[in-house]
C-alpha atoms as a PDB file:
ATOM      1  CA  MET A   1     107.544 110.070  88.223  1.00  0.00           C
ATOM      2  CA  LEU A   2     111.380 111.002  88.426  1.00  0.00           C
ATOM      3  CA  THR A   3     112.988 112.405  85.755  1.00  0.00           C
ATOM      4  CA  SER A   4     114.907 109.056  85.725  1.00  0.00           C
ATOM      5  CA  ASP A   5     112.521 106.514  86.048  1.00  0.00           C
ATOM      6  CA  LEU A   6     110.401 108.328  82.686  1.00  0.00           C
ATOM      7  CA  THR A   7     113.929 107.941  80.930  1.00  0.00           C
ATOM      8  CA  ILE A   8     113.859 104.341  81.805  1.00  0.00           C
ATOM      9  CA  GLN A   9     110.199 103.759  80.169  1.00  0.00           C
ATOM     10  CA  ILE A  10     110.916 105.772  77.525  1.00  0.00           C
ATOM     11  CA  ASP A  11     114.524 103.749  76.754  1.00  0.00           C
ATOM     12  CA  LEU A  12     112.576  99.837  77.448  1.00  0.00           C
ATOM     13  CA  LYS A  13     110.375 101.149  75.001  1.00  0.00           C
ATOM     14  CA  ARG A  14     112.980 102.499  72.030  1.00  0.00           C
ATOM     15  CA  ALA A  15     115.098  98.574  72.455  1.00  0.00           C
ATOM     16  CA  ASN A  16     112.049  97.112  71.712  1.00  0.00           C
ATOM     17  CA  LEU A  17     111.531  94.797  74.017  1.00  0.00           C
ATOM     18  CA  HIS A  18     108.466  91.852  74.678  1.00  0.00           C
ATOM     19  CA  PRO A  19     105.714  93.415  76.827  1.00  0.00           C
ATOM     20  CA  LEU A  20     106.207  91.406  79.501  1.00  0.00           C
ATOM     21  CA  GLN A  21     109.730  91.767  79.012  1.00  0.00           C
ATOM     22  CA  GLN A  22     109.496  95.708  79.974  1.00  0.00           C
ATOM     23  CA  HIS A  23     107.325  95.167  82.474  1.00  0.00           C
ATOM     24  CA  ILE A  24     109.673  92.757  84.648  1.00  0.00           C
ATOM     25  CA  HIS A  25     112.354  95.097  84.085  1.00  0.00           C
ATOM     26  CA  GLU A  26     110.061  97.959  86.426  1.00  0.00           C
ATOM     27  CA  ILE A  27     111.246  95.467  89.299  1.00  0.00           C
ATOM     28  CA  THR A  28     114.788  93.885  87.963  1.00  0.00           C
ATOM     29  CA  THR A  29     116.706  93.708  84.748  1.00  0.00           C
ATOM     30  CA  LEU A  30     117.379  90.411  83.326  1.00  0.00           C
ATOM     31  CA  SER A  31     120.010  90.086  80.079  1.00  0.00           C
ATOM     32  CA  GLN A  32     118.328  89.182  76.224  1.00  0.00           C
ATOM     33  CA  ASP A  33     119.052  86.053  77.985  1.00  0.00           C
ATOM     34  CA  GLU A  34     117.234  85.235  81.114  1.00  0.00           C
ATOM     35  CA  PHE A  35     114.515  86.384  79.517  1.00  0.00           C
ATOM     36  CA  ASP A  36     114.542  84.249  76.946  1.00  0.00           C
ATOM     37  CA  TYR A  37     114.262  81.357  78.933  1.00  0.00           C
ATOM     38  CA  VAL A  38     111.597  82.815  81.794  1.00  0.00           C
ATOM     39  CA  LEU A  39     109.685  82.977  78.602  1.00  0.00           C
ATOM     40  CA  GLN A  40     110.027  79.586  77.576  1.00  0.00           C
ATOM     41  CA  HIS A  41     108.603  78.371  80.757  1.00  0.00           C
ATOM     42  CA  PHE A  42     104.937  80.757  78.900  1.00  0.00           C
ATOM     43  CA  GLU A  43     102.494  80.016  77.484  1.00  0.00           C
ATOM     44  CA  ASN A  44     100.101  81.973  74.974  1.00  0.00           C
ATOM     45  CA  MET A  45      96.045  81.455  75.525  1.00  0.00           C
ATOM     46  CA  LYS A  46      93.456  83.790  73.409  1.00  0.00           C
ATOM     47  CA  ARG A  47      89.910  83.770  74.797  1.00  0.00           C
ATOM     48  CA  ARG A  48      87.662  86.036  73.478  1.00  0.00           C
ATOM     49  CA  LYS A  49      84.517  87.715  75.071  1.00  0.00           C
ATOM     50  CA  PHE A  50      82.686  86.355  77.433  1.00  0.00           C
ATOM     51  CA  GLN A  51      84.729  83.312  78.096  1.00  0.00           C
ATOM     52  CA  TYR A  52      86.208  82.119  81.166  1.00  0.00           C
ATOM     53  CA  ILE A  53      89.872  81.384  81.840  1.00  0.00           C
ATOM     54  CA  VAL A  54      89.323  80.098  85.521  1.00  0.00           C
ATOM     55  CA  GLN A  55      86.163  78.304  86.743  1.00  0.00           C
ATOM     56  CA  GLU A  56      84.498  78.299  90.553  1.00  0.00           C
ATOM     57  CA  GLY A  57      84.863  74.311  91.403  1.00  0.00           C
ATOM     58  CA  ALA A  58      87.564  73.221  89.165  1.00  0.00           C
ATOM     59  CA  SER A  59      91.207  73.156  89.649  1.00  0.00           C
ATOM     60  CA  THR A  60      93.532  75.807  88.661  1.00  0.00           C
ATOM     61  CA  ASN A  61      97.806  76.026  87.769  1.00  0.00           C
ATOM     62  CA  LYS A  62      98.168  78.850  85.984  1.00  0.00           C
ATOM     63  CA  GLU A  63      98.531  82.340  86.755  1.00  0.00           C
ATOM     64  CA  PHE A  64      97.880  84.381  83.680  1.00  0.00           C
ATOM     65  CA  TRP A  65      99.117  87.925  82.811  1.00  0.00           C
ATOM     66  CA  VAL A  66      97.373  90.359  79.935  1.00  0.00           C
ATOM     67  CA  VAL A  67      98.759  91.394  77.514  1.00  0.00           C
ATOM     68  CA  LYS A  68      95.525  92.791  75.618  1.00  0.00           C
ATOM     69  CA  GLY A  69      92.072  92.856  77.390  1.00  0.00           C
ATOM     70  CA  CYS A  70      90.254  92.961  80.349  1.00  0.00           C
ATOM     71  CA  LEU A  71      88.966  90.886  82.782  1.00  0.00           C
ATOM     72  CA  LYS A  72      87.314  90.720  86.022  1.00  0.00           C
ATOM     73  CA  SER A  73      87.622  87.909  89.514  1.00  0.00           C
ATOM     74  CA  SER A  74      84.198  87.228  91.096  1.00  0.00           C
ATOM     75  CA  PHE A  75      82.148  85.251  92.323  1.00  0.00           C
ATOM     76  CA  ILE A  76      77.815  84.235  92.647  1.00  0.00           C
ATOM     77  CA  ASP A  77      76.118  83.946  96.036  1.00  0.00           C
ATOM     78  CA  GLU A  78      73.130  81.902  96.394  1.00  0.00           C
ATOM     79  CA  SER A  79      70.758  84.868  95.981  1.00  0.00           C
ATOM     80  CA  GLY A  80      71.895  85.309  91.851  1.00  0.00           C
ATOM     81  CA  LYS A  81      74.157  88.659  93.246  1.00  0.00           C
ATOM     82  CA  GLU A  82      76.998  89.125  91.647  1.00  0.00           C
ATOM     83  CA  TYR A  83      80.407  90.225  93.576  1.00  0.00           C
ATOM     84  CA  ILE A  84      83.809  91.489  91.836  1.00  0.00           C
ATOM     85  CA  LEU A  85      86.946  90.967  93.470  1.00  0.00           C
ATOM     86  CA  GLN A  86      88.573  92.855  90.733  1.00  0.00           C
ATOM     87  CA  PHE A  87      89.563  93.651  87.247  1.00  0.00           C
ATOM     88  CA  ALA A  88      92.160  92.896  85.289  1.00  0.00           C
ATOM     89  CA  MET A  89      93.556  94.546  82.517  1.00  0.00           C
ATOM     90  CA  GLU A  90      97.094  95.124  79.970  1.00  0.00           C
ATOM     91  CA  ASN A  91     100.086  94.017  82.702  1.00  0.00           C
ATOM     92  CA  TRP A  92      97.834  92.890  85.323  1.00  0.00           C
ATOM     93  CA  TRP A  93      98.549  89.229  86.673  1.00  0.00           C
ATOM     94  CA  VAL A  94      95.310  87.067  87.916  1.00  0.00           C
ATOM     95  CA  THR A  95      93.896  84.109  89.115  1.00  0.00           C
ATOM     96  CA  ASP A  96      92.689  82.467  91.689  1.00  0.00           C
ATOM     97  CA  TYR A  97      95.291  82.601  94.404  1.00  0.00           C
ATOM     98  CA  GLY A  98      94.469  80.483  96.940  1.00  0.00           C
ATOM     99  CA  ALA A  99      93.599  77.636  94.316  1.00  0.00           C
ATOM    100  CA  PHE A 100      96.944  78.236  92.739  1.00  0.00           C
ATOM    101  CA  GLU A 101      98.768  77.741  95.375  1.00  0.00           C
ATOM    102  CA  ASN A 102      96.638  75.687  98.158  1.00  0.00           C
ATOM    103  CA  ARG A 103      96.407  72.834  94.769  1.00  0.00           C
ATOM    104  CA  THR A 104      92.640  73.478  95.452  1.00  0.00           C
ATOM    105  CA  VAL A 105      89.619  73.755  93.799  1.00  0.00           C
ATOM    106  CA  ALA A 106      88.700  77.479  92.941  1.00  0.00           C
ATOM    107  CA  LYS A 107      86.550  78.936  94.740  1.00  0.00           C
ATOM    108  CA  LEU A 108      86.390  82.229  91.974  1.00  0.00           C
ATOM    109  CA  SER A 109      85.119  82.560  88.393  1.00  0.00           C
ATOM    110  CA  ILE A 110      87.456  85.167  86.210  1.00  0.00           C
ATOM    111  CA  ASP A 111      86.475  85.968  82.597  1.00  0.00           C
ATOM    112  CA  CYS A 112      86.580  87.831  79.886  1.00  0.00           C
ATOM    113  CA  LEU A 113      85.174  91.444  79.551  1.00  0.00           C
ATOM    114  CA  GLU A 114      86.823  91.973  76.450  1.00  0.00           C
ATOM    115  CA  ASP A 115      88.662  89.047  73.413  1.00  0.00           C
ATOM    116  CA  CYS A 116      91.405  88.731  75.433  1.00  0.00           C
ATOM    117  CA  ASP A 117      95.818  87.454  74.475  1.00  0.00           C
ATOM    118  CA  LEU A 118      97.046  86.243  77.331  1.00  0.00           C
ATOM    119  CA  LEU A 119     100.465  84.539  78.586  1.00  0.00           C
ATOM    120  CA  TYR A 120     100.321  82.275  81.421  1.00  0.00           C
ATOM    121  CA  ILE A 121     102.898  79.867  83.683  1.00  0.00           C
ATOM    122  CA  THR A 122     101.901  77.080  85.706  1.00  0.00           C
ATOM    123  CA  TYR A 123     102.303  76.832  89.120  1.00  0.00           C
ATOM    124  CA  GLU A 124     105.476  74.091  87.997  1.00  0.00           C
ATOM    125  CA  ASN A 125     107.109  76.447  86.367  1.00  0.00           C
ATOM    126  CA  LYS A 126     106.473  79.468  87.995  1.00  0.00           C
ATOM    127  CA  GLU A 127     108.005  77.589  91.336  1.00  0.00           C
ATOM    128  CA  LYS A 128     111.292  76.730  88.832  1.00  0.00           C
ATOM    129  CA  LEU A 129     111.666  80.047  87.877  1.00  0.00           C
ATOM    130  CA  MET A 130     111.459  81.169  91.538  1.00  0.00           C
ATOM    131  CA  ALA A 131     113.979  78.675  92.638  1.00  0.00           C
ATOM    132  CA  GLU A 132     116.495  78.153  90.067  1.00  0.00           C
ATOM    133  CA  MET A 133     116.308  82.357  89.463  1.00  0.00           C
ATOM    134  CA  PRO A 134     116.596  84.787  92.410  1.00  0.00           C
ATOM    135  CA  LYS A 135     115.305  87.898  90.400  1.00  0.00           C
ATOM    136  CA  MET A 136     112.264  86.251  89.185  1.00  0.00           C
ATOM    137  CA  GLN A 137     112.041  85.397  93.096  1.00  0.00           C
ATOM    138  CA  GLN A 138     112.708  88.477  93.696  1.00  0.00           C
ATOM    139  CA  PHE A 139     110.432  89.733  90.769  1.00  0.00           C
ATOM    140  CA  TRP A 140     106.911  87.856  92.288  1.00  0.00           C
ATOM    141  CA  ALA A 141     107.822  88.610  95.363  1.00  0.00           C
ATOM    142  CA  LYS A 142     107.248  92.434  95.266  1.00  0.00           C
ATOM    143  CA  LYS A 143     104.277  91.217  92.567  1.00  0.00           C
ATOM    144  CA  THR A 144     102.685  89.429  95.346  1.00  0.00           C
ATOM    145  CA  LYS A 145     103.036  92.499  97.882  1.00  0.00           C
ATOM    146  CA  LYS A 146     101.562  95.148  95.748  1.00  0.00           C
ATOM    147  CA  GLY A 147      98.546  92.561  95.061  1.00  0.00           C
ATOM    148  CA  TYR A 148      98.340  92.403  99.067  1.00  0.00           C
ATOM    149  CA  ILE A 149      98.411  96.283  99.545  1.00  0.00           C
ATOM    150  CA  ALA A 150      96.008  97.191  96.398  1.00  0.00           C
ATOM    151  CA  LEU A 151      93.457  94.809  97.854  1.00  0.00           C
ATOM    152  CA  GLN A 152      93.921  95.886 101.173  1.00  0.00           C
ATOM    153  CA  GLU A 153      93.565  99.172 100.030  1.00  0.00           C
ATOM    154  CA  ARG A 154      90.585  98.281  98.309  1.00  0.00           C
ATOM    155  CA  ILE A 155      88.537  96.084 101.116  1.00  0.00           C
ATOM    156  CA  LEU A 156      89.039  99.476 103.217  1.00  0.00           C
ATOM    157  CA  ASN A 157      87.929 101.356 100.628  1.00  0.00           C
ATOM    158  CA  LEU A 158      84.311 100.015 100.461  1.00  0.00           C
ATOM    159  CA  LEU A 159      84.814  99.188 104.476  1.00  0.00           C
ATOM    160  CA  LYS A 160      84.909 102.907 104.773  1.00  0.00           C
ATOM    161  CA  SER A 161      83.882 105.453 101.998  1.00  0.00           C
ATOM    162  CA  SER A 162      80.757 106.215 100.329  1.00  0.00           C
ATOM    163  CA  ALA A 163      79.292 105.532  97.724  1.00  0.00           C
ATOM    164  CA  LYS A 164      80.179 108.454  95.557  1.00  0.00           C
ATOM    165  CA  GLU A 165      83.759 108.535  96.752  1.00  0.00           C
ATOM    166  CA  ARG A 166      84.561 104.630  95.788  1.00  0.00           C
ATOM    167  CA  TYR A 167      82.800 106.016  91.987  1.00  0.00           C
ATOM    168  CA  GLU A 168      85.006 108.564  92.427  1.00  0.00           C
ATOM    169  CA  LEU A 169      88.450 107.257  93.505  1.00  0.00           C
ATOM    170  CA  LEU A 170      87.829 103.933  90.295  1.00  0.00           C
ATOM    171  CA  PHE A 171      87.254 107.008  87.643  1.00  0.00           C
ATOM    172  CA  LYS A 172      90.585 108.440  88.646  1.00  0.00           C
ATOM    173  CA  GLN A 173      92.784 105.086  88.706  1.00  0.00           C
ATOM    174  CA  TYR A 174      91.124 103.411  85.589  1.00  0.00           C
ATOM    175  CA  PRO A 175      89.346 106.345  83.609  1.00  0.00           C
ATOM    176  CA  GLU A 176      89.876 104.293  80.880  1.00  0.00           C
ATOM    177  CA  LEU A 177      87.907 101.205  82.417  1.00  0.00           C
ATOM    178  CA  PHE A 178      84.372 103.464  82.057  1.00  0.00           C
ATOM    179  CA  GLN A 179      84.628 103.796  78.868  1.00  0.00           C
ATOM    180  CA  ARG A 180      85.627  99.233  78.428  1.00  0.00           C
ATOM    181  CA  ILE A 181      83.019  97.658  80.514  1.00  0.00           C
ATOM    182  CA  SER A 182      79.107  97.888  81.053  1.00  0.00           C
ATOM    183  CA  LYS A 183      77.897 100.238  83.933  1.00  0.00           C
ATOM    184  CA  LYS A 184      76.069  97.752  84.892  1.00  0.00           C
ATOM    185  CA  THR A 185      79.378  95.414  85.533  1.00  0.00           C
ATOM    186  CA  ILE A 186      81.432  99.315  87.081  1.00  0.00           C
ATOM    187  CA  ALA A 187      78.057  98.519  89.224  1.00  0.00           C
ATOM    188  CA  ALA A 188      78.703  95.516  91.315  1.00  0.00           C
ATOM    189  CA  TYR A 189      81.795  96.237  91.167  1.00  0.00           C
ATOM    190  CA  LEU A 190      81.048  98.987  93.675  1.00  0.00           C
ATOM    191  CA  GLY A 191      78.968  97.314  95.529  1.00  0.00           C
ATOM    192  CA  VAL A 192      76.132  99.936  94.206  1.00  0.00           C
ATOM    193  CA  SER A 193      72.836  98.950  91.947  1.00  0.00           C
ATOM    194  CA  ARG A 194      72.504 100.362  89.012  1.00  0.00           C
ATOM    195  CA  GLU A 195      70.152 103.405  89.607  1.00  0.00           C
ATOM    196  CA  THR A 196      72.997 104.439  91.448  1.00  0.00           C
ATOM    197  CA  LEU A 197      75.325 104.279  89.617  1.00  0.00           C
ATOM    198  CA  SER A 198      73.049 105.915  87.088  1.00  0.00           C
ATOM    199  CA  ARG A 199      73.175 108.812  89.230  1.00  0.00           C
ATOM    200  CA  LEU A 200      76.665 109.285  89.680  1.00  0.00           C
ATOM    201  CA  TYR A 201      77.261 109.673  86.758  1.00  0.00           C
ATOM    202  CA  LYS A 202      75.412 112.093  85.945  1.00  0.00           C
ATOM    203  CA  GLU A 203      76.110 114.058  89.512  1.00  0.00           C
END
């Protein structure tokens, strides 16, 4: 990280900005009036551990930003095996994007691994903000690009890497996950059995 980038982050924290405002400022700067207008388009949501915010087979018109907590996005095949596509922690965005963008029913379920504080924006309000504010269009365009890159890297990692390599990479990127969620959930994300994960822990 460059010194100037660190200085900007420190200045943002000192300014006591809203967490979402700090998050947006990582990509584009909004005046206070601009941010206040953006925030008017969001709603608060609180969910307890194990509650769903998106369920497979139901429609969803909400995109969620995690203020506090951890969630997982997953689906279950016909045999009952769970596949986890992603986790979402503080400052992450999550929804079933196919259902959200195409106005179809969800193919994924998203549930809380912890008690969660969330902000959400509806599809209609997001489209409205992007049409009215080029800065927000730029913000979401960059977030979408970063999300696509992250998904591509995850797929390549699953295809090319060994279980041990996938485990080591996840631990390097998100060590806090191993303190926050169960080994069973981590095993499902890595595509390994609970027994394999226990062996990797020991190694």
